[in-house]
Amino acid sequence: MKEDLINKTPSELAELRLKIADDYSKAGEMKVKLMRLHAFYFESFREDVKSDAALERKWELTEDGLKLMEVREKMKSLEHKLSAIRTLLEVKNNEARNQY
């Protein structure tokens, strides 16, 4: 991936950044839906469990709980990719102006 990014032009990097931002947005929308399900789950099962921590572990074992963890990690990964592209664009622009 690193070599792929380095060899891209600033326009290609900007286009890639837009695509990743779109993916991040969609992941955020999915996270909101899963957080709502998380709240409903807590409301439904809180009486059956002794602590919030135990209920959280129980939630994490559900399919939706696993999806929520996956979405959170995917969003972190996308944030790092966006940051790397932003830095690379800045370097390439400065190189183009002989300022680097």
PDB file of N, CA and C in Angstrom:
ATOM      1  N   MET A   1       0.834  -1.192   0.000  1.00  0.00           N
ATOM      2  CA  MET A   1       0.000   0.000   0.000  1.00  0.00           C
ATOM      3  C   MET A   1       0.877   1.253   0.000  1.00  0.00           C
ATOM      4  N   LYS A   2       1.964   1.236   0.776  1.00  0.00           N
ATOM      5  CA  LYS A   2       2.815   2.417   0.878  1.00  0.00           C
ATOM      6  C   LYS A   2       3.352   2.851  -0.488  1.00  0.00           C
ATOM      7  N   GLU A   3       3.882   1.892  -1.248  1.00  0.00           N
ATOM      8  CA  GLU A   3       4.424   2.226  -2.569  1.00  0.00           C
ATOM      9  C   GLU A   3       3.327   2.711  -3.504  1.00  0.00           C
ATOM     10  N   ASP A   4       2.151   2.129  -3.376  1.00  0.00           N
ATOM     11  CA  ASP A   4       1.028   2.569  -4.205  1.00  0.00           C
ATOM     12  C   ASP A   4       0.719   4.045  -3.971  1.00  0.00           C
ATOM     13  N   LEU A   5       0.721   4.449  -2.708  1.00  0.00           N
ATOM     14  CA  LEU A   5       0.400   5.840  -2.388  1.00  0.00           C
ATOM     15  C   LEU A   5       1.495   6.789  -2.853  1.00  0.00           C
ATOM     16  N   ILE A   6       2.740   6.406  -2.650  1.00  0.00           N
ATOM     17  CA  ILE A   6       3.862   7.287  -2.997  1.00  0.00           C
ATOM     18  C   ILE A   6       3.889   7.575  -4.497  1.00  0.00           C
ATOM     19  N   ASN A   7       3.521   6.595  -5.301  1.00  0.00           N
ATOM     20  CA  ASN A   7       3.573   6.756  -6.756  1.00  0.00           C
ATOM     21  C   ASN A   7       2.356   7.457  -7.348  1.00  0.00           C
ATOM     22  N   LYS A   8       1.366   7.774  -6.529  1.00  0.00           N
ATOM     23  CA  LYS A   8       0.167   8.439  -7.044  1.00  0.00           C
ATOM     24  C   LYS A   8       0.395   9.946  -7.163  1.00  0.00           C
ATOM     25  N   THR A   9      -0.302  10.529  -8.119  1.00  0.00           N
ATOM     26  CA  THR A   9      -0.246  11.985  -8.289  1.00  0.00           C
ATOM     27  C   THR A   9      -1.125  12.639  -7.224  1.00  0.00           C
ATOM     28  N   PRO A  10      -0.942  13.923  -6.969  1.00  0.00           N
ATOM     29  CA  PRO A  10      -1.814  14.606  -5.999  1.00  0.00           C
ATOM     30  C   PRO A  10      -3.303  14.476  -6.335  1.00  0.00           C
ATOM     31  N   SER A  11      -3.650  14.520  -7.636  1.00  0.00           N
ATOM     32  CA  SER A  11      -5.073  14.353  -8.008  1.00  0.00           C
ATOM     33  C   SER A  11      -5.577  12.963  -7.642  1.00  0.00           C
ATOM     34  N   GLU A  12      -4.763  11.962  -7.891  1.00  0.00           N
ATOM     35  CA  GLU A  12      -5.162  10.590  -7.552  1.00  0.00           C
ATOM     36  C   GLU A  12      -5.284  10.425  -6.037  1.00  0.00           C
ATOM     37  N   LEU A  13      -4.387  11.051  -5.305  1.00  0.00           N
ATOM     38  CA  LEU A  13      -4.463  10.995  -3.842  1.00  0.00           C
ATOM     39  C   LEU A  13      -5.721  11.690  -3.331  1.00  0.00           C
ATOM     40  N   ALA A  14      -6.049  12.819  -3.932  1.00  0.00           N
ATOM     41  CA  ALA A  14      -7.264  13.535  -3.529  1.00  0.00           C
ATOM     42  C   ALA A  14      -8.504  12.694  -3.823  1.00  0.00           C
ATOM     43  N   GLU A  15      -8.509  12.021  -4.959  1.00  0.00           N
ATOM     44  CA  GLU A  15      -9.630  11.154  -5.310  1.00  0.00           C
ATOM     45  C   GLU A  15      -9.744   9.986  -4.329  1.00  0.00           C
ATOM     46  N   LEU A  16      -8.601   9.396  -3.988  1.00  0.00           N
ATOM     47  CA  LEU A  16      -8.582   8.303  -3.022  1.00  0.00           C
ATOM     48  C   LEU A  16      -9.069   8.786  -1.657  1.00  0.00           C
ATOM     49  N   ARG A  17      -8.663   9.980  -1.297  1.00  0.00           N
ATOM     50  CA  ARG A  17      -9.092  10.560  -0.022  1.00  0.00           C
ATOM     51  C   ARG A  17     -10.601  10.741   0.015  1.00  0.00           C
ATOM     52  N   LEU A  18     -11.195  11.159  -1.098  1.00  0.00           N
ATOM     53  CA  LEU A  18     -12.657  11.288  -1.174  1.00  0.00           C
ATOM     54  C   LEU A  18     -13.342   9.936  -1.006  1.00  0.00           C
ATOM     55  N   LYS A  19     -12.787   8.907  -1.637  1.00  0.00           N
ATOM     56  CA  LYS A  19     -13.370   7.564  -1.529  1.00  0.00           C
ATOM     57  C   LYS A  19     -13.294   7.063  -0.087  1.00  0.00           C
ATOM     58  N   ILE A  20     -12.139   7.263   0.545  1.00  0.00           N
ATOM     59  CA  ILE A  20     -11.977   6.813   1.929  1.00  0.00           C
ATOM     60  C   ILE A  20     -12.898   7.603   2.859  1.00  0.00           C
ATOM     61  N   ALA A  21     -13.044   8.889   2.607  1.00  0.00           N
ATOM     62  CA  ALA A  21     -13.950   9.713   3.408  1.00  0.00           C
ATOM     63  C   ALA A  21     -15.391   9.218   3.260  1.00  0.00           C
ATOM     64  N   ASP A  22     -15.766   8.807   2.057  1.00  0.00           N
ATOM     65  CA  ASP A  22     -17.100   8.255   1.829  1.00  0.00           C
ATOM     66  C   ASP A  22     -17.274   6.950   2.605  1.00  0.00           C
ATOM     67  N   ASP A  23     -16.246   6.090   2.571  1.00  0.00           N
ATOM     68  CA  ASP A  23     -16.291   4.839   3.334  1.00  0.00           C
ATOM     69  C   ASP A  23     -16.417   5.122   4.831  1.00  0.00           C
ATOM     70  N   TYR A  24     -15.694   6.134   5.293  1.00  0.00           N
ATOM     71  CA  TYR A  24     -15.736   6.522   6.705  1.00  0.00           C
ATOM     72  C   TYR A  24     -17.149   6.989   7.076  1.00  0.00           C
ATOM     73  N   SER A  25     -17.750   7.766   6.193  1.00  0.00           N
ATOM     74  CA  SER A  25     -19.102   8.260   6.428  1.00  0.00           C
ATOM     75  C   SER A  25     -20.105   7.109   6.529  1.00  0.00           C
ATOM     76  N   LYS A  26     -19.993   6.164   5.616  1.00  0.00           N
ATOM     77  CA  LYS A  26     -20.900   5.009   5.642  1.00  0.00           C
ATOM     78  C   LYS A  26     -20.691   4.182   6.907  1.00  0.00           C
ATOM     79  N   ALA A  27     -19.436   4.031   7.319  1.00  0.00           N
ATOM     80  CA  ALA A  27     -19.153   3.291   8.551  1.00  0.00           C
ATOM     81  C   ALA A  27     -19.746   4.029   9.755  1.00  0.00           C
ATOM     82  N   GLY A  28     -19.680   5.351   9.729  1.00  0.00           N
ATOM     83  CA  GLY A  28     -20.270   6.143  10.805  1.00  0.00           C
ATOM     84  C   GLY A  28     -21.779   5.963  10.894  1.00  0.00           C
ATOM     85  N   GLU A  29     -22.427   5.910   9.745  1.00  0.00           N
ATOM     86  CA  GLU A  29     -23.874   5.676   9.721  1.00  0.00           C
ATOM     87  C   GLU A  29     -24.209   4.298  10.290  1.00  0.00           C
ATOM     88  N   MET A  30     -23.399   3.296   9.937  1.00  0.00           N
ATOM     89  CA  MET A  30     -23.604   1.950  10.460  1.00  0.00           C
ATOM     90  C   MET A  30     -23.382   1.936  11.975  1.00  0.00           C
ATOM     91  N   LYS A  31     -22.381   2.677  12.427  1.00  0.00           N
ATOM     92  CA  LYS A  31     -22.084   2.738  13.868  1.00  0.00           C
ATOM     93  C   LYS A  31     -23.274   3.308  14.628  1.00  0.00           C
ATOM     94  N   VAL A  32     -23.901   4.348  14.083  1.00  0.00           N
ATOM     95  CA  VAL A  32     -25.064   4.952  14.743  1.00  0.00           C
ATOM     96  C   VAL A  32     -26.191   3.925  14.876  1.00  0.00           C
ATOM     97  N   LYS A  33     -26.456   3.176  13.818  1.00  0.00           N
ATOM     98  CA  LYS A  33     -27.502   2.150  13.867  1.00  0.00           C
ATOM     99  C   LYS A  33     -27.187   1.097  14.920  1.00  0.00           C
ATOM    100  N   LEU A  34     -25.926   0.681  14.965  1.00  0.00           N
ATOM    101  CA  LEU A  34     -25.530  -0.340  15.931  1.00  0.00           C
ATOM    102  C   LEU A  34     -25.547   0.200  17.363  1.00  0.00           C
ATOM    103  N   MET A  35     -25.234   1.471  17.537  1.00  0.00           N
ATOM    104  CA  MET A  35     -25.293   2.076  18.873  1.00  0.00           C
ATOM    105  C   MET A  35     -26.740   2.134  19.372  1.00  0.00           C
ATOM    106  N   ARG A  36     -27.667   2.354  18.450  1.00  0.00           N
ATOM    107  CA  ARG A  36     -29.089   2.328  18.839  1.00  0.00           C
ATOM    108  C   ARG A  36     -29.478   0.922  19.305  1.00  0.00           C
ATOM    109  N   LEU A  37     -29.042  -0.083  18.546  1.00  0.00           N
ATOM    110  CA  LEU A  37     -29.325  -1.465  18.939  1.00  0.00           C
ATOM    111  C   LEU A  37     -28.680  -1.783  20.281  1.00  0.00           C
ATOM    112  N   HIS A  38     -27.505  -1.240  20.500  1.00  0.00           N
ATOM    113  CA  HIS A  38     -26.789  -1.418  21.766  1.00  0.00           C
ATOM    114  C   HIS A  38     -27.629  -0.866  22.917  1.00  0.00           C
ATOM    115  N   ALA A  39     -28.185   0.319  22.735  1.00  0.00           N
ATOM    116  CA  ALA A  39     -29.021   0.930  23.768  1.00  0.00           C
ATOM    117  C   ALA A  39     -30.274   0.096  24.041  1.00  0.00           C
ATOM    118  N   PHE A  40     -30.921  -0.386  22.972  1.00  0.00           N
ATOM    119  CA  PHE A  40     -32.102  -1.224  23.155  1.00  0.00           C
ATOM    120  C   PHE A  40     -31.743  -2.533  23.854  1.00  0.00           C
ATOM    121  N   TYR A  41     -30.590  -3.088  23.517  1.00  0.00           N
ATOM    122  CA  TYR A  41     -30.128  -4.324  24.150  1.00  0.00           C
ATOM    123  C   TYR A  41     -29.944  -4.086  25.650  1.00  0.00           C
ATOM    124  N   PHE A  42     -29.286  -2.985  26.012  1.00  0.00           N
ATOM    125  CA  PHE A  42     -29.062  -2.682  27.424  1.00  0.00           C
ATOM    126  C   PHE A  42     -30.391  -2.522  28.155  1.00  0.00           C
ATOM    127  N   GLU A  43     -31.328  -1.832  27.509  1.00  0.00           N
ATOM    128  CA  GLU A  43     -32.632  -1.621  28.128  1.00  0.00           C
ATOM    129  C   GLU A  43     -33.361  -2.954  28.347  1.00  0.00           C
ATOM    130  N   SER A  44     -33.229  -3.857  27.394  1.00  0.00           N
ATOM    131  CA  SER A  44     -33.946  -5.135  27.454  1.00  0.00           C
ATOM    132  C   SER A  44     -33.343  -6.114  28.452  1.00  0.00           C
ATOM    133  N   PHE A  45     -32.019  -6.123  28.569  1.00  0.00           N
ATOM    134  CA  PHE A  45     -31.367  -7.178  29.342  1.00  0.00           C
ATOM    135  C   PHE A  45     -30.705  -6.698  30.631  1.00  0.00           C
ATOM    136  N   ARG A  46     -30.819  -5.426  30.984  1.00  0.00           N
ATOM    137  CA  ARG A  46     -30.130  -4.895  32.160  1.00  0.00           C
ATOM    138  C   ARG A  46     -30.571  -5.589  33.441  1.00  0.00           C
ATOM    139  N   GLU A  47     -31.823  -5.923  33.544  1.00  0.00           N
ATOM    140  CA  GLU A  47     -32.345  -6.556  34.767  1.00  0.00           C
ATOM    141  C   GLU A  47     -31.790  -7.971  34.961  1.00  0.00           C
ATOM    142  N   ASP A  48     -31.388  -8.631  33.872  1.00  0.00           N
ATOM    143  CA  ASP A  48     -30.934 -10.021  33.942  1.00  0.00           C
ATOM    144  C   ASP A  48     -29.470 -10.162  34.334  1.00  0.00           C
ATOM    145  N   VAL A  49     -28.734  -9.072  34.376  1.00  0.00           N
ATOM    146  CA  VAL A  49     -27.285  -9.131  34.581  1.00  0.00           C
ATOM    147  C   VAL A  49     -26.912  -8.279  35.795  1.00  0.00           C
ATOM    148  N   LYS A  50     -25.888  -8.711  36.527  1.00  0.00           N
ATOM    149  CA  LYS A  50     -25.507  -8.022  37.765  1.00  0.00           C
ATOM    150  C   LYS A  50     -24.777  -6.701  37.555  1.00  0.00           C
ATOM    151  N   SER A  51     -24.011  -6.583  36.467  1.00  0.00           N
ATOM    152  CA  SER A  51     -23.226  -5.364  36.279  1.00  0.00           C
ATOM    153  C   SER A  51     -23.265  -4.910  34.819  1.00  0.00           C
ATOM    154  N   ASP A  52     -22.943  -3.641  34.615  1.00  0.00           N
ATOM    155  CA  ASP A  52     -22.869  -3.108  33.252  1.00  0.00           C
ATOM    156  C   ASP A  52     -21.744  -3.782  32.473  1.00  0.00           C
ATOM    157  N   ALA A  53     -20.640  -4.079  33.156  1.00  0.00           N
ATOM    158  CA  ALA A  53     -19.506  -4.724  32.484  1.00  0.00           C
ATOM    159  C   ALA A  53     -19.904  -6.113  31.966  1.00  0.00           C
ATOM    160  N   ALA A  54     -20.637  -6.853  32.771  1.00  0.00           N
ATOM    161  CA  ALA A  54     -21.088  -8.182  32.342  1.00  0.00           C
ATOM    162  C   ALA A  54     -22.058  -8.060  31.172  1.00  0.00           C
ATOM    163  N   LEU A  55     -22.919  -7.069  31.226  1.00  0.00           N
ATOM    164  CA  LEU A  55     -23.875  -6.851  30.137  1.00  0.00           C
ATOM    165  C   LEU A  55     -23.137  -6.442  28.862  1.00  0.00           C
ATOM    166  N   GLU A  56     -22.109  -5.618  29.006  1.00  0.00           N
ATOM    167  CA  GLU A  56     -21.310  -5.210  27.844  1.00  0.00           C
ATOM    168  C   GLU A  56     -20.624  -6.417  27.207  1.00  0.00           C
ATOM    169  N   ARG A  57     -20.061  -7.294  28.015  1.00  0.00           N
ATOM    170  CA  ARG A  57     -19.424  -8.512  27.472  1.00  0.00           C
ATOM    171  C   ARG A  57     -20.456  -9.404  26.773  1.00  0.00           C
ATOM    172  N   LYS A  58     -21.643  -9.481  27.361  1.00  0.00           N
ATOM    173  CA  LYS A  58     -22.717 -10.267  26.740  1.00  0.00           C
ATOM    174  C   LYS A  58     -23.102  -9.657  25.386  1.00  0.00           C
ATOM    175  N   TRP A  59     -23.202  -8.319  25.332  1.00  0.00           N
ATOM    176  CA  TRP A  59     -23.518  -7.616  24.083  1.00  0.00           C
ATOM    177  C   TRP A  59     -22.453  -7.887  23.026  1.00  0.00           C
ATOM    178  N   GLU A  60     -21.187  -7.846  23.434  1.00  0.00           N
ATOM    179  CA  GLU A  60     -20.087  -8.027  22.492  1.00  0.00           C
ATOM    180  C   GLU A  60     -20.093  -9.414  21.849  1.00  0.00           C
ATOM    181  N   LEU A  61     -20.765 -10.361  22.462  1.00  0.00           N
ATOM    182  CA  LEU A  61     -20.845 -11.710  21.899  1.00  0.00           C
ATOM    183  C   LEU A  61     -21.989 -11.863  20.900  1.00  0.00           C
ATOM    184  N   THR A  62     -22.859 -10.854  20.827  1.00  0.00           N
ATOM    185  CA  THR A  62     -23.941 -10.927  19.845  1.00  0.00           C
ATOM    186  C   THR A  62     -23.397 -10.544  18.469  1.00  0.00           C
ATOM    187  N   GLU A  63     -24.138 -10.890  17.435  1.00  0.00           N
ATOM    188  CA  GLU A  63     -23.709 -10.546  16.077  1.00  0.00           C
ATOM    189  C   GLU A  63     -23.596  -9.029  15.900  1.00  0.00           C
ATOM    190  N   ASP A  64     -24.569  -8.293  16.439  1.00  0.00           N
ATOM    191  CA  ASP A  64     -24.528  -6.832  16.329  1.00  0.00           C
ATOM    192  C   ASP A  64     -23.383  -6.244  17.147  1.00  0.00           C
ATOM    193  N   GLY A  65     -23.101  -6.841  18.289  1.00  0.00           N
ATOM    194  CA  GLY A  65     -21.977  -6.384  19.105  1.00  0.00           C
ATOM    195  C   GLY A  65     -20.658  -6.576  18.380  1.00  0.00           C
ATOM    196  N   LEU A  66     -20.510  -7.699  17.715  1.00  0.00           N
ATOM    197  CA  LEU A  66     -19.299  -7.956  16.936  1.00  0.00           C
ATOM    198  C   LEU A  66     -19.191  -6.991  15.759  1.00  0.00           C
ATOM    199  N   LYS A  67     -20.334  -6.705  15.118  1.00  0.00           N
ATOM    200  CA  LYS A  67     -20.329  -5.746  14.004  1.00  0.00           C
ATOM    201  C   LYS A  67     -19.905  -4.367  14.490  1.00  0.00           C
ATOM    202  N   LEU A  68     -20.396  -3.971  15.671  1.00  0.00           N
ATOM    203  CA  LEU A  68     -20.043  -2.661  16.212  1.00  0.00           C
ATOM    204  C   LEU A  68     -18.536  -2.568  16.472  1.00  0.00           C
ATOM    205  N   MET A  69     -17.967  -3.615  17.042  1.00  0.00           N
ATOM    206  CA  MET A  69     -16.510  -3.612  17.271  1.00  0.00           C
ATOM    207  C   MET A  69     -15.763  -3.533  15.945  1.00  0.00           C
ATOM    208  N   GLU A  70     -16.240  -4.252  14.947  1.00  0.00           N
ATOM    209  CA  GLU A  70     -15.609  -4.241  13.628  1.00  0.00           C
ATOM    210  C   GLU A  70     -15.691  -2.849  12.993  1.00  0.00           C
ATOM    211  N   VAL A  71     -16.839  -2.213  13.094  1.00  0.00           N
ATOM    212  CA  VAL A  71     -17.022  -0.878  12.523  1.00  0.00           C
ATOM    213  C   VAL A  71     -16.105   0.122  13.217  1.00  0.00           C
ATOM    214  N   ARG A  72     -15.994   0.030  14.538  1.00  0.00           N
ATOM    215  CA  ARG A  72     -15.111   0.952  15.269  1.00  0.00           C
ATOM    216  C   ARG A  72     -13.665   0.807  14.803  1.00  0.00           C
ATOM    217  N   GLU A  73     -13.207  -0.426  14.659  1.00  0.00           N
ATOM    218  CA  GLU A  73     -11.829  -0.654  14.218  1.00  0.00           C
ATOM    219  C   GLU A  73     -11.621  -0.209  12.780  1.00  0.00           C
ATOM    220  N   LYS A  74     -12.628  -0.436  11.930  1.00  0.00           N
ATOM    221  CA  LYS A  74     -12.530   0.000  10.539  1.00  0.00           C
ATOM    222  C   LYS A  74     -12.428   1.526  10.472  1.00  0.00           C
ATOM    223  N   MET A  75     -13.202   2.207  11.299  1.00  0.00           N
ATOM    224  CA  MET A  75     -13.162   3.666  11.307  1.00  0.00           C
ATOM    225  C   MET A  75     -11.788   4.178  11.753  1.00  0.00           C
ATOM    226  N   LYS A  76     -11.198   3.518  12.745  1.00  0.00           N
ATOM    227  CA  LYS A  76      -9.848   3.907  13.180  1.00  0.00           C
ATOM    228  C   LYS A  76      -8.852   3.735  12.037  1.00  0.00           C
ATOM    229  N   SER A  77      -8.960   2.623  11.342  1.00  0.00           N
ATOM    230  CA  SER A  77      -8.063   2.353  10.217  1.00  0.00           C
ATOM    231  C   SER A  77      -8.231   3.413   9.132  1.00  0.00           C
ATOM    232  N   LEU A  78      -9.461   3.754   8.822  1.00  0.00           N
ATOM    233  CA  LEU A  78      -9.720   4.772   7.801  1.00  0.00           C
ATOM    234  C   LEU A  78      -9.189   6.138   8.228  1.00  0.00           C
ATOM    235  N   GLU A  79      -9.305   6.451   9.523  1.00  0.00           N
ATOM    236  CA  GLU A  79      -8.762   7.720  10.024  1.00  0.00           C
ATOM    237  C   GLU A  79      -7.257   7.791   9.783  1.00  0.00           C
ATOM    238  N   HIS A  80      -6.565   6.691  10.050  1.00  0.00           N
ATOM    239  CA  HIS A  80      -5.117   6.659   9.852  1.00  0.00           C
ATOM    240  C   HIS A  80      -4.757   6.781   8.371  1.00  0.00           C
ATOM    241  N   LYS A  81      -5.523   6.136   7.518  1.00  0.00           N
ATOM    242  CA  LYS A  81      -5.274   6.247   6.075  1.00  0.00           C
ATOM    243  C   LYS A  81      -5.479   7.681   5.597  1.00  0.00           C
ATOM    244  N   LEU A  82      -6.553   8.305   6.065  1.00  0.00           N
ATOM    245  CA  LEU A  82      -6.811   9.697   5.686  1.00  0.00           C
ATOM    246  C   LEU A  82      -5.678  10.608   6.150  1.00  0.00           C
ATOM    247  N   SER A  83      -5.194  10.376   7.341  1.00  0.00           N
ATOM    248  CA  SER A  83      -4.097  11.174   7.869  1.00  0.00           C
ATOM    249  C   SER A  83      -2.825  10.993   7.040  1.00  0.00           C
ATOM    250  N   ALA A  84      -2.536   9.751   6.668  1.00  0.00           N
ATOM    251  CA  ALA A  84      -1.342   9.476   5.861  1.00  0.00           C
ATOM    252  C   ALA A  84      -1.447  10.148   4.498  1.00  0.00           C
ATOM    253  N   ILE A  85      -2.610  10.084   3.885  1.00  0.00           N
ATOM    254  CA  ILE A  85      -2.803  10.714   2.575  1.00  0.00           C
ATOM    255  C   ILE A  85      -2.685  12.227   2.698  1.00  0.00           C
ATOM    256  N   ARG A  86      -3.239  12.787   3.763  1.00  0.00           N
ATOM    257  CA  ARG A  86      -3.154  14.232   3.975  1.00  0.00           C
ATOM    258  C   ARG A  86      -1.682  14.662   4.089  1.00  0.00           C
ATOM    259  N   THR A  87      -0.904  13.909   4.842  1.00  0.00           N
ATOM    260  CA  THR A  87       0.518  14.214   4.996  1.00  0.00           C
ATOM    261  C   THR A  87       1.251  14.083   3.665  1.00  0.00           C
ATOM    262  N   LEU A  88       0.976  13.018   2.949  1.00  0.00           N
ATOM    263  CA  LEU A  88       1.633  12.798   1.663  1.00  0.00           C
ATOM    264  C   LEU A  88       1.278  13.904   0.664  1.00  0.00           C
ATOM    265  N   LEU A  89       0.030  14.327   0.643  1.00  0.00           N
ATOM    266  CA  LEU A  89      -0.382  15.436  -0.232  1.00  0.00           C
ATOM    267  C   LEU A  89       0.367  16.718   0.121  1.00  0.00           C
ATOM    268  N   GLU A  90       0.514  16.973   1.395  1.00  0.00           N
ATOM    269  CA  GLU A  90       1.226  18.165   1.840  1.00  0.00           C
ATOM    270  C   GLU A  90       2.688  18.122   1.385  1.00  0.00           C
ATOM    271  N   VAL A  91       3.321  16.971   1.543  1.00  0.00           N
ATOM    272  CA  VAL A  91       4.717  16.817   1.117  1.00  0.00           C
ATOM    273  C   VAL A  91       4.837  17.001  -0.387  1.00  0.00           C
ATOM    274  N   LYS A  92       3.965  16.351  -1.143  1.00  0.00           N
ATOM    275  CA  LYS A  92       4.032  16.461  -2.608  1.00  0.00           C
ATOM    276  C   LYS A  92       3.808  17.904  -3.065  1.00  0.00           C
ATOM    277  N   ASN A  93       2.872  18.594  -2.436  1.00  0.00           N
ATOM    278  CA  ASN A  93       2.622  19.998  -2.798  1.00  0.00           C
ATOM    279  C   ASN A  93       3.824  20.877  -2.457  1.00  0.00           C
ATOM    280  N   ASN A  94       4.443  20.631  -1.317  1.00  0.00           N
ATOM    281  CA  ASN A  94       5.630  21.397  -0.947  1.00  0.00           C
ATOM    282  C   ASN A  94       6.801  21.082  -1.871  1.00  0.00           C
ATOM    283  N   GLU A  95       6.951  19.829  -2.271  1.00  0.00           N
ATOM    284  CA  GLU A  95       7.998  19.464  -3.218  1.00  0.00           C
ATOM    285  C   GLU A  95       7.798  20.160  -4.551  1.00  0.00           C
ATOM    286  N   ALA A  96       6.545  20.261  -4.975  1.00  0.00           N
ATOM    287  CA  ALA A  96       6.237  20.909  -6.237  1.00  0.00           C
ATOM    288  C   ALA A  96       6.614  22.398  -6.200  1.00  0.00           C
ATOM    289  N   ARG A  97       6.577  22.962  -5.026  1.00  0.00           N
ATOM    290  CA  ARG A  97       6.937  24.384  -4.873  1.00  0.00           C
ATOM    291  C   ARG A  97       8.398  24.559  -4.429  1.00  0.00           C
ATOM    292  N   ASN A  98       9.124  23.463  -4.387  1.00  0.00           N
ATOM    293  CA  ASN A  98      10.519  23.469  -3.915  1.00  0.00           C
ATOM    294  C   ASN A  98      10.653  24.012  -2.511  1.00  0.00           C
ATOM    295  N   GLN A  99       9.685  23.688  -1.678  1.00  0.00           N
ATOM    296  CA  GLN A  99       9.711  24.167  -0.297  1.00  0.00           C
ATOM    297  C   GLN A  99      10.031  23.052   0.686  1.00  0.00           C
ATOM    298  N   TYR A 100      10.362  21.895   0.191  1.00  0.00           N
ATOM    299  CA  TYR A 100      10.579  20.783   1.111  1.00  0.00           C
ATOM    300  C   TYR A 100      12.021  20.422   1.174  1.00  0.00           C
TER     301      TYR A 100
END
